[in-house]
PDB file of N, CA and C in Angstrom:
ATOM      1  N   MET A   1     -43.933  -1.273 -92.402  1.00  0.00           N
ATOM      2  CA  MET A   1     -43.673  -2.498 -93.081  1.00  0.00           C
ATOM      3  C   MET A   1     -42.291  -2.380 -93.713  1.00  0.00           C
ATOM      4  N   SER A   2     -41.541  -3.460 -93.652  1.00  0.00           N
ATOM      5  CA  SER A   2     -40.195  -3.484 -94.224  1.00  0.00           C
ATOM      6  C   SER A   2     -39.943  -4.852 -94.852  1.00  0.00           C
ATOM      7  N   TYR A   3     -39.314  -4.818 -96.016  1.00  0.00           N
ATOM      8  CA  TYR A   3     -38.942  -6.048 -96.711  1.00  0.00           C
ATOM      9  C   TYR A   3     -37.468  -5.892 -97.052  1.00  0.00           C
ATOM     10  N   ALA A   4     -36.621  -6.557 -96.309  1.00  0.00           N
ATOM     11  CA  ALA A   4     -35.182  -6.344 -96.485  1.00  0.00           C
ATOM     12  C   ALA A   4     -34.403  -7.581 -96.086  1.00  0.00           C
ATOM     13  N   GLY A   5     -33.112  -7.544 -96.354  1.00  0.00           N
ATOM     14  CA  GLY A   5     -32.217  -8.632 -95.979  1.00  0.00           C
ATOM     15  C   GLY A   5     -31.986  -8.668 -94.480  1.00  0.00           C
ATOM     16  N   ASP A   6     -31.536  -9.785 -94.001  1.00  0.00           N
ATOM     17  CA  ASP A   6     -31.260  -9.983 -92.585  1.00  0.00           C
ATOM     18  C   ASP A   6     -30.014  -9.197 -92.187  1.00  0.00           C
ATOM     19  N   VAL A   7     -30.162  -8.256 -91.255  1.00  0.00           N
ATOM     20  CA  VAL A   7     -29.056  -7.392 -90.839  1.00  0.00           C
ATOM     21  C   VAL A   7     -27.947  -8.207 -90.177  1.00  0.00           C
ATOM     22  N   LEU A   8     -28.304  -9.154 -89.343  1.00  0.00           N
ATOM     23  CA  LEU A   8     -27.304  -9.974 -88.666  1.00  0.00           C
ATOM     24  C   LEU A   8     -26.447 -10.742 -89.674  1.00  0.00           C
ATOM     25  N   GLU A   9     -27.084 -11.278 -90.706  1.00  0.00           N
ATOM     26  CA  GLU A   9     -26.338 -11.994 -91.745  1.00  0.00           C
ATOM     27  C   GLU A   9     -25.414 -11.041 -92.504  1.00  0.00           C
ATOM     28  N   SER A  10     -25.847  -9.811 -92.708  1.00  0.00           N
ATOM     29  CA  SER A  10     -25.000  -8.815 -93.377  1.00  0.00           C
ATOM     30  C   SER A  10     -23.752  -8.524 -92.550  1.00  0.00           C
ATOM     31  N   TYR A  11     -23.907  -8.444 -91.233  1.00  0.00           N
ATOM     32  CA  TYR A  11     -22.755  -8.228 -90.354  1.00  0.00           C
ATOM     33  C   TYR A  11     -21.792  -9.411 -90.424  1.00  0.00           C
ATOM     34  N   ARG A  12     -22.336 -10.610 -90.465  1.00  0.00           N
ATOM     35  CA  ARG A  12     -21.477 -11.797 -90.567  1.00  0.00           C
ATOM     36  C   ARG A  12     -20.694 -11.796 -91.875  1.00  0.00           C
ATOM     37  N   ARG A  13     -21.382 -11.425 -92.960  1.00  0.00           N
ATOM     38  CA  ARG A  13     -20.730 -11.361 -94.265  1.00  0.00           C
ATOM     39  C   ARG A  13     -19.627 -10.304 -94.267  1.00  0.00           C
ATOM     40  N   ALA A  14     -19.888  -9.163 -93.662  1.00  0.00           N
ATOM     41  CA  ALA A  14     -18.889  -8.096 -93.581  1.00  0.00           C
ATOM     42  C   ALA A  14     -17.689  -8.546 -92.754  1.00  0.00           C
ATOM     43  N   ALA A  15     -17.943  -9.270 -91.666  1.00  0.00           N
ATOM     44  CA  ALA A  15     -16.845  -9.768 -90.833  1.00  0.00           C
ATOM     45  C   ALA A  15     -15.974 -10.755 -91.607  1.00  0.00           C
ATOM     46  N   ARG A  16     -16.599 -11.590 -92.449  1.00  0.00           N
ATOM     47  CA  ARG A  16     -15.823 -12.514 -93.277  1.00  0.00           C
ATOM     48  C   ARG A  16     -14.932 -11.759 -94.257  1.00  0.00           C
ATOM     49  N   HIS A  17     -15.469 -10.699 -94.835  1.00  0.00           N
ATOM     50  CA  HIS A  17     -14.669  -9.896 -95.754  1.00  0.00           C
ATOM     51  C   HIS A  17     -13.493  -9.237 -95.027  1.00  0.00           C
ATOM     52  N   VAL A  18     -13.736  -8.690 -93.856  1.00  0.00           N
ATOM     53  CA  VAL A  18     -12.659  -8.070 -93.077  1.00  0.00           C
ATOM     54  C   VAL A  18     -11.597  -9.103 -92.745  1.00  0.00           C
ATOM     55  N   ASP A  19     -12.021 -10.292 -92.354  1.00  0.00           N
ATOM     56  CA  ASP A  19     -11.076 -11.362 -92.039  1.00  0.00           C
ATOM     57  C   ASP A  19     -10.206 -11.696 -93.249  1.00  0.00           C
ATOM     58  N   LEU A  20     -10.826 -11.819 -94.408  1.00  0.00           N
ATOM     59  CA  LEU A  20     -10.069 -12.138 -95.625  1.00  0.00           C
ATOM     60  C   LEU A  20      -9.094 -11.020 -95.983  1.00  0.00           C
ATOM     61  N   ILE A  21      -9.519  -9.779 -95.831  1.00  0.00           N
ATOM     62  CA  ILE A  21      -8.646  -8.642 -96.140  1.00  0.00           C
ATOM     63  C   ILE A  21      -7.465  -8.596 -95.182  1.00  0.00           C
ATOM     64  N   LEU A  22      -7.722  -8.839 -93.893  1.00  0.00           N
ATOM     65  CA  LEU A  22      -6.631  -8.831 -92.911  1.00  0.00           C
ATOM     66  C   LEU A  22      -5.650  -9.978 -93.136  1.00  0.00           C
ATOM     67  N   LYS A  23      -6.136 -11.044 -93.776  1.00  0.00           N
ATOM     68  CA  LYS A  23      -5.250 -12.169 -94.086  1.00  0.00           C
ATOM     69  C   LYS A  23      -4.538 -11.991 -95.426  1.00  0.00           C
ATOM     70  N   GLY A  24      -4.743 -10.815 -96.065  1.00  0.00           N
ATOM     71  CA  GLY A  24      -3.991 -10.514 -97.271  1.00  0.00           C
ATOM     72  C   GLY A  24      -4.743 -10.564 -98.580  1.00  0.00           C
ATOM     73  N   ALA A  25      -6.032 -10.815 -98.551  1.00  0.00           N
ATOM     74  CA  ALA A  25      -6.801 -10.874 -99.800  1.00  0.00           C
ATOM     75  C   ALA A  25      -6.934  -9.477-100.406  1.00  0.00           C
ATOM     76  N   ASN A  26      -6.970  -9.417-101.708  1.00  0.00           N
ATOM     77  CA  ASN A  26      -7.145  -8.158-102.411  1.00  0.00           C
ATOM     78  C   ASN A  26      -8.641  -7.817-102.402  1.00  0.00           C
ATOM     79  N   PRO A  27      -9.033  -6.674-101.818  1.00  0.00           N
ATOM     80  CA  PRO A  27     -10.461  -6.328-101.743  1.00  0.00           C
ATOM     81  C   PRO A  27     -11.136  -6.262-103.114  1.00  0.00           C
ATOM     82  N   ALA A  28     -10.398  -5.891-104.138  1.00  0.00           N
ATOM     83  CA  ALA A  28     -10.980  -5.791-105.483  1.00  0.00           C
ATOM     84  C   ALA A  28     -11.348  -7.160-106.046  1.00  0.00           C
ATOM     85  N   GLU A  29     -10.763  -8.204-105.512  1.00  0.00           N
ATOM     86  CA  GLU A  29     -11.023  -9.554-106.015  1.00  0.00           C
ATOM     87  C   GLU A  29     -12.074 -10.310-105.211  1.00  0.00           C
ATOM     88  N   LEU A  30     -12.544  -9.727-104.119  1.00  0.00           N
ATOM     89  CA  LEU A  30     -13.570 -10.381-103.307  1.00  0.00           C
ATOM     90  C   LEU A  30     -14.924 -10.271-104.009  1.00  0.00           C
ATOM     91  N   PRO A  31     -15.723 -11.318-103.945  1.00  0.00           N
ATOM     92  CA  PRO A  31     -17.022 -11.278-104.628  1.00  0.00           C
ATOM     93  C   PRO A  31     -18.017 -10.359-103.903  1.00  0.00           C
ATOM     94  N   ILE A  32     -18.896  -9.780-104.684  1.00  0.00           N
ATOM     95  CA  ILE A  32     -19.989  -8.998-104.109  1.00  0.00           C
ATOM     96  C   ILE A  32     -21.091  -9.982-103.753  1.00  0.00           C
ATOM     97  N   GLU A  33     -21.551  -9.913-102.508  1.00  0.00           N
ATOM     98  CA  GLU A  33     -22.572 -10.849-102.052  1.00  0.00           C
ATOM     99  C   GLU A  33     -23.879 -10.119-101.803  1.00  0.00           C
ATOM    100  N   GLN A  34     -24.966 -10.759-102.132  1.00  0.00           N
ATOM    101  CA  GLN A  34     -26.295 -10.220-101.888  1.00  0.00           C
ATOM    102  C   GLN A  34     -27.006 -11.092-100.858  1.00  0.00           C
ATOM    103  N   PRO A  35     -27.992 -10.518-100.172  1.00  0.00           N
ATOM    104  CA  PRO A  35     -28.738 -11.317 -99.196  1.00  0.00           C
ATOM    105  C   PRO A  35     -29.373 -12.532 -99.861  1.00  0.00           C
ATOM    106  N   THR A  36     -29.350 -13.639 -99.143  1.00  0.00           N
ATOM    107  CA  THR A  36     -29.964 -14.860 -99.662  1.00  0.00           C
ATOM    108  C   THR A  36     -31.370 -15.053 -99.098  1.00  0.00           C
ATOM    109  N   ARG A  37     -31.674 -14.318 -98.042  1.00  0.00           N
ATOM    110  CA  ARG A  37     -32.996 -14.435 -97.429  1.00  0.00           C
ATOM    111  C   ARG A  37     -33.513 -13.038 -97.116  1.00  0.00           C
ATOM    112  N   LEU A  38     -34.743 -12.764 -97.499  1.00  0.00           N
ATOM    113  CA  LEU A  38     -35.386 -11.493 -97.203  1.00  0.00           C
ATOM    114  C   LEU A  38     -36.472 -11.722 -96.165  1.00  0.00           C
ATOM    115  N   ALA A  39     -36.685 -10.720 -95.322  1.00  0.00           N
ATOM    116  CA  ALA A  39     -37.680 -10.845 -94.259  1.00  0.00           C
ATOM    117  C   ALA A  39     -38.719  -9.733 -94.387  1.00  0.00           C
ATOM    118  N   LEU A  40     -39.969 -10.084 -94.190  1.00  0.00           N
ATOM    119  CA  LEU A  40     -41.061  -9.123 -94.170  1.00  0.00           C
ATOM    120  C   LEU A  40     -41.414  -8.858 -92.712  1.00  0.00           C
ATOM    121  N   VAL A  41     -41.249  -7.603 -92.279  1.00  0.00           N
ATOM    122  CA  VAL A  41     -41.542  -7.207 -90.903  1.00  0.00           C
ATOM    123  C   VAL A  41     -42.665  -6.176 -90.943  1.00  0.00           C
ATOM    124  N   ILE A  42     -43.697  -6.402 -90.147  1.00  0.00           N
ATOM    125  CA  ILE A  42     -44.854  -5.503 -90.111  1.00  0.00           C
ATOM    126  C   ILE A  42     -45.029  -4.968 -88.701  1.00  0.00           C
ATOM    127  N   ASN A  43     -45.142  -3.633 -88.591  1.00  0.00           N
ATOM    128  CA  ASN A  43     -45.396  -2.998 -87.303  1.00  0.00           C
ATOM    129  C   ASN A  43     -46.914  -2.849 -87.170  1.00  0.00           C
ATOM    130  N   VAL A  44     -47.509  -3.789 -86.477  1.00  0.00           N
ATOM    131  CA  VAL A  44     -48.968  -3.861 -86.350  1.00  0.00           C
ATOM    132  C   VAL A  44     -49.497  -2.694 -85.524  1.00  0.00           C
ATOM    133  N   ALA A  45     -48.794  -2.290 -84.483  1.00  0.00           N
ATOM    134  CA  ALA A  45     -49.250  -1.194 -83.626  1.00  0.00           C
ATOM    135  C   ALA A  45     -49.332   0.115 -84.407  1.00  0.00           C
ATOM    136  N   THR A  46     -48.353   0.389 -85.242  1.00  0.00           N
ATOM    137  CA  THR A  46     -48.366   1.612 -86.049  1.00  0.00           C
ATOM    138  C   THR A  46     -49.502   1.567 -87.063  1.00  0.00           C
ATOM    139  N   ALA A  47     -49.725   0.428 -87.674  1.00  0.00           N
ATOM    140  CA  ALA A  47     -50.821   0.293 -88.637  1.00  0.00           C
ATOM    141  C   ALA A  47     -52.164   0.551 -87.954  1.00  0.00           C
ATOM    142  N   LYS A  48     -52.336   0.000 -86.761  1.00  0.00           N
ATOM    143  CA  LYS A  48     -53.592   0.224 -86.023  1.00  0.00           C
ATOM    144  C   LYS A  48     -53.746   1.689 -85.648  1.00  0.00           C
ATOM    145  N   ALA A  49     -52.656   2.339 -85.206  1.00  0.00           N
ATOM    146  CA  ALA A  49     -52.715   3.745 -84.815  1.00  0.00           C
ATOM    147  C   ALA A  49     -53.084   4.643 -85.991  1.00  0.00           C
ATOM    148  N   GLN A  50     -52.713   4.243 -87.196  1.00  0.00           N
ATOM    149  CA  GLN A  50     -53.028   5.029 -88.384  1.00  0.00           C
ATOM    150  C   GLN A  50     -54.333   4.587 -89.043  1.00  0.00           C
ATOM    151  N   GLY A  51     -54.987   3.601 -88.463  1.00  0.00           N
ATOM    152  CA  GLY A  51     -56.263   3.137 -88.980  1.00  0.00           C
ATOM    153  C   GLY A  51     -56.144   2.288 -90.231  1.00  0.00           C
ATOM    154  N   ILE A  52     -54.997   1.644 -90.408  1.00  0.00           N
ATOM    155  CA  ILE A  52     -54.777   0.800 -91.577  1.00  0.00           C
ATOM    156  C   ILE A  52     -55.167  -0.634 -91.230  1.00  0.00           C
ATOM    157  N   ALA A  53     -56.081  -1.195 -92.003  1.00  0.00           N
ATOM    158  CA  ALA A  53     -56.500  -2.581 -91.784  1.00  0.00           C
ATOM    159  C   ALA A  53     -55.570  -3.496 -92.572  1.00  0.00           C
ATOM    160  N   LEU A  54     -54.943  -4.410 -91.884  1.00  0.00           N
ATOM    161  CA  LEU A  54     -54.024  -5.349 -92.527  1.00  0.00           C
ATOM    162  C   LEU A  54     -54.749  -6.662 -92.789  1.00  0.00           C
ATOM    163  N   PRO A  55     -54.751  -7.100 -94.034  1.00  0.00           N
ATOM    164  CA  PRO A  55     -55.423  -8.363 -94.329  1.00  0.00           C
ATOM    165  C   PRO A  55     -54.733  -9.541 -93.641  1.00  0.00           C
ATOM    166  N   PRO A  56     -55.500 -10.517 -93.192  1.00  0.00           N
ATOM    167  CA  PRO A  56     -54.919 -11.682 -92.533  1.00  0.00           C
ATOM    168  C   PRO A  56     -53.893 -12.413 -93.399  1.00  0.00           C
ATOM    169  N   SER A  57     -54.093 -12.410 -94.709  1.00  0.00           N
ATOM    170  CA  SER A  57     -53.140 -13.093 -95.595  1.00  0.00           C
ATOM    171  C   SER A  57     -51.770 -12.415 -95.554  1.00  0.00           C
ATOM    172  N   LEU A  58     -51.746 -11.083 -95.416  1.00  0.00           N
ATOM    173  CA  LEU A  58     -50.482 -10.361 -95.315  1.00  0.00           C
ATOM    174  C   LEU A  58     -49.807 -10.660 -93.976  1.00  0.00           C
ATOM    175  N   LEU A  59     -50.590 -10.669 -92.908  1.00  0.00           N
ATOM    176  CA  LEU A  59     -50.034 -10.971 -91.582  1.00  0.00           C
ATOM    177  C   LEU A  59     -49.492 -12.396 -91.524  1.00  0.00           C
ATOM    178  N   ALA A  60     -50.135 -13.304 -92.233  1.00  0.00           N
ATOM    179  CA  ALA A  60     -49.683 -14.700 -92.247  1.00  0.00           C
ATOM    180  C   ALA A  60     -48.351 -14.834 -92.967  1.00  0.00           C
ATOM    181  N   ARG A  61     -48.090 -13.985 -93.937  1.00  0.00           N
ATOM    182  CA  ARG A  61     -46.832 -14.047 -94.696  1.00  0.00           C
ATOM    183  C   ARG A  61     -45.656 -13.382 -94.004  1.00  0.00           C
ATOM    184  N   ALA A  62     -45.951 -12.552 -93.001  1.00  0.00           N
ATOM    185  CA  ALA A  62     -44.896 -11.801 -92.310  1.00  0.00           C
ATOM    186  C   ALA A  62     -43.958 -12.746 -91.569  1.00  0.00           C
ATOM    187  N   ASP A  63     -42.663 -12.460 -91.662  1.00  0.00           N
ATOM    188  CA  ASP A  63     -41.679 -13.219 -90.896  1.00  0.00           C
ATOM    189  C   ASP A  63     -41.676 -12.779 -89.444  1.00  0.00           C
ATOM    190  N   ARG A  64     -42.025 -11.503 -89.228  1.00  0.00           N
ATOM    191  CA  ARG A  64     -42.028 -10.960 -87.867  1.00  0.00           C
ATOM    192  C   ARG A  64     -43.086  -9.865 -87.780  1.00  0.00           C
ATOM    193  N   ARG A  65     -43.836  -9.871 -86.663  1.00  0.00           N
ATOM    194  CA  ARG A  65     -44.831  -8.828 -86.412  1.00  0.00           C
ATOM    195  C   ARG A  65     -44.423  -8.109 -85.141  1.00  0.00           C
ATOM    196  N   VAL A  66     -44.373  -6.785 -85.225  1.00  0.00           N
ATOM    197  CA  VAL A  66     -43.933  -5.959 -84.100  1.00  0.00           C
ATOM    198  C   VAL A  66     -45.148  -5.221 -83.539  1.00  0.00           C
ATOM    199  N   GLY A  67     -45.191  -5.068 -82.231  1.00  0.00           N
ATOM    200  CA  GLY A  67     -46.215  -4.243 -81.587  1.00  0.00           C
ATOM    201  C   GLY A  67     -47.573  -4.869 -81.449  1.00  0.00           C
ATOM    202  N   GLU A  68     -47.644  -6.162 -81.397  1.00  0.00           N
ATOM    203  CA  GLU A  68     -48.954  -6.814 -81.226  1.00  0.00           C
ATOM    204  C   GLU A  68     -49.310  -6.862 -79.773  1.00  0.00           C
TER     205      GLU A  68
END
């Protein structure tokens, strides 16, 4: 199970910062940005292999289920 920011969005944010720096912006003056959306990812196959029963309410809240 993982609850984290969107990796693709983080790459986009980093690319914007690189673009601004290459255009002459001072890195010390760039704002620190945090993820605006978090995703809950559950590896169902691993949970089953370890004998962990996942409640349906948790599975319903997951943004992505892996290994079903």
